[in-house]
Amino acid sequence: MAPSAARVIATVVAEVCDMDSSSTSLHDIQERFDCVLAQLKRVLTGSPDAETVSALDRAIEAGARKLTALGTRLAAVCQARLLYVLMNPPIEQALASQLAAPEPLLAWLSAASSTTLALRDRGLSSMLALCFANLVNIINDEELLGPHALALQRDIGLQRSLVQVLIPALHAAAVAMQLPPDRRPCNVSWHTIMRVVDALMSAALDEQFKEQLASTAGISTIAQRVMQSTCRLLAAAPASCPDELTSSNFAALWHNLAALLGLTCSIQQQQQQQRGTSVPDAQRQKAVRLLLQALSRLPTALQVAADCQQDVAGCPLAKDALDMWRMLLSMMGQLRVQEPGLSADDRIAAANGVCAYHTIDSPADVPAWCSAGKALLQALPQVATVAALAQQYQAAEQQPDMEQQLAGEQPDAAIVPTTRLGSLISITASSIVDEVVIYCSTLANGGPWSAAACAAAGEALWQLHTTLCHCIHWIAAGSLATAAMPVRVLSFVLNAAVCVRAATPAAANETATGGARHLLAMSVAQAEAVLAAASLQPAPADEEVVEALLIAIRHGPAALAGSPPVQQALQRLAERLGTADEGSAAAASLHAAPLQHEPQPGDGLQLAQVAATRSCAFLHCANLAGEGGPASGQGAGSRRCSKCLVAWYCGTACSHADWRAGHRRVCRALGAARLAEQESAGVEV
């Protein structure tokens, strides 16, 4: 019995010494003490022997030594809790009345931040960090506290301590925001995150923050960790304004998170250049993947900026958003390419934008890359909206005031980046396609690959290809004056899908069949998109059009080669290429291709059946904002033709347009074919 009582004493003392004040219940500890006392009473009233008494004495003496050493930590915790109470909102308001002179206030802040850094209690440290963020923002924002702000900008030591307190709070918030809302700490919200980011990037802490980002700490640099946390926050940021934020604060949150990400990317690039050596592939791979995750939120970020511009008069966030995300897109290419310090051959490759390594390791990585490319392209409508709002804002800002009008002066013209972001989106999406295609072309040399991973990769490629086709039709409609998407990108994605299907395990018959349907649908859609792109000005090169059409015919249904629009386009291309350069590779491919397909009565039905496997059967669909999967019935909000019950459309506009374009001629045949297929499969109709 005595050893058991001694162990209970040691256990309770250890729990007290190791307790986390943010999660420990004092009531539970008190109950444990009561149990220990009751057990000791039973032991001592039972006439214990000398061994029992000796064991208890040793346990009590050891516990006393541990509890004595705990005094310093308990004092620090009590002091920290006092600081937390003092820094609550009612006290913050008192600061604005200048009740504290700059010197005493900064001395107190210095002592408080030092105490917080010494704490091992993460929960309490995070709570205090949020208070520090509020104080820094008050000092920076309140006009009456100008002397305090100047004093803080001169106190390098205090700046360093505050940054060291705030960076862990940013990491903790990023982790917390990955949790469901009902499981997040009550003191972490998007409002508190905004305050922490604002404080780190404020005039008072900005330089010290940059200095610490540029420093290293072990294997992982501080900049890499901040980049990871910022990307997590961007990925988790809400699409609609939460209750605790105003519309302008919500837009500022998105803007400042993007600015913080841009800062960390820039710091990493500078570190790489200063070291003069290449960044390890694994490190660069991680950075690119994180940035991909953040860039996928571009449509939401631009929509938030547009909403704020419309709600708040005189708000410059539209132009700021264009500038910020344009910079982030340019960082994507810079992070993928190695810098000086490599061999001469690799330096030449880097100068040409060629990656000397793969950032994709398996087919399981392909969906994330395709999703990022799709998201970037879906941001183009928001680019048009935000660019128009930025133009309106600058036009209003450039209106001459009364003095200028009297003097006959005109304001300087301002330049708004209306199309540069759109062009950069096209370039970045193309580079994403390049990365995916390079990897998929190597699939035959690896493996064996998981059938499920290959199926997911094939569907992701189909989704990206569909978005590319939508993008071409959207640009052809004149929605945004931007550089046209190169048609060769369509061919690249289709070829990648072919490689993925070839690498799919042969045993997965269902998956392989699904892959074949993907290829047929992608081929028919590609032919229509290429024909639409050929009508643009400037038009794509004839060689690109020939290649894209021939690839579509090679992997598409037999009826595609006999399609009148395709035949007419190929005939015109053959005439032009034959006149310009009879020895060109494109002309040779065109003449060598087996294109003699006599039109058959069922060609129209075959093409319609393939188109009906898409989420929107209208092959000229330009709905870039469409969500859901690429297959029929998977589109969010899609509806089915009420007559044939086969073709699905993303909306009424596409349904009516496809009816006029020819669906009315095959609708009955599609329905009959569906019934026949069900009967042959033994399905009751």
Foldseek 3Di string as FASTA:
>chain_A
DLVVLLVLLLVLLVCVLPPQVVPDDPVVSVVSVVVSVVVVVVCVVVPDDPVSVVSNVVSVVVSVVSVVVCPVLVVLVVVLVVLLVCLPVVNLVVVLVVPDPQPVVLVVLQVNLVSLVPHPNVVSLLSVLLSLLVNLVSCQPRPSNVVNLVVLLVPLSSLLSNLVSLLVNLLLLLVQLVDPPVPHPPSRDLVSNLSSLCNCCDPSNVVVSLVQQLDQDPPHGSLLSQLLSLLSCLLSQDLDDDPVDDLVSSLVSLLSSLVSNLSSLVSVLVSQVVVQAWDDPVSLLVSLLSLLSNLLCLLSSLVSQLVSLVVDPLDQSLLSSLVSVLSSLVSNLVSQQIDGHDDPVSNVCSVVSHHPDASDDALLCQLSLLSSLLSLLLNVLSLQSSQVSNVVSVVVVQDDDPVCVVVVHGGDDDDGPSASSVQSSLVSSLVSLVSLLVVLVCLVVDDLHALVSLLSNLQSLLVSLLLLLLSLLCVLVVSGPYDHRQLVSLVSSLVSLVSSLVSRDPVPVVSNVVSLLSNQLSLLLSLVSLLSQCPDVVHHDLLSSLVSNLSSCVSHDVLSLVPVVSVVSLVVSLVVCCVPPCPDPSNVCSVPRPSDDDDDPCSVVVLQQSLLQFCASQSSNNCSVWDATGGHPGIVCWDADPQQRRHIHNDDVSVVVVCVVCCVVCSVVSNVVVVVVCVVVVHDD
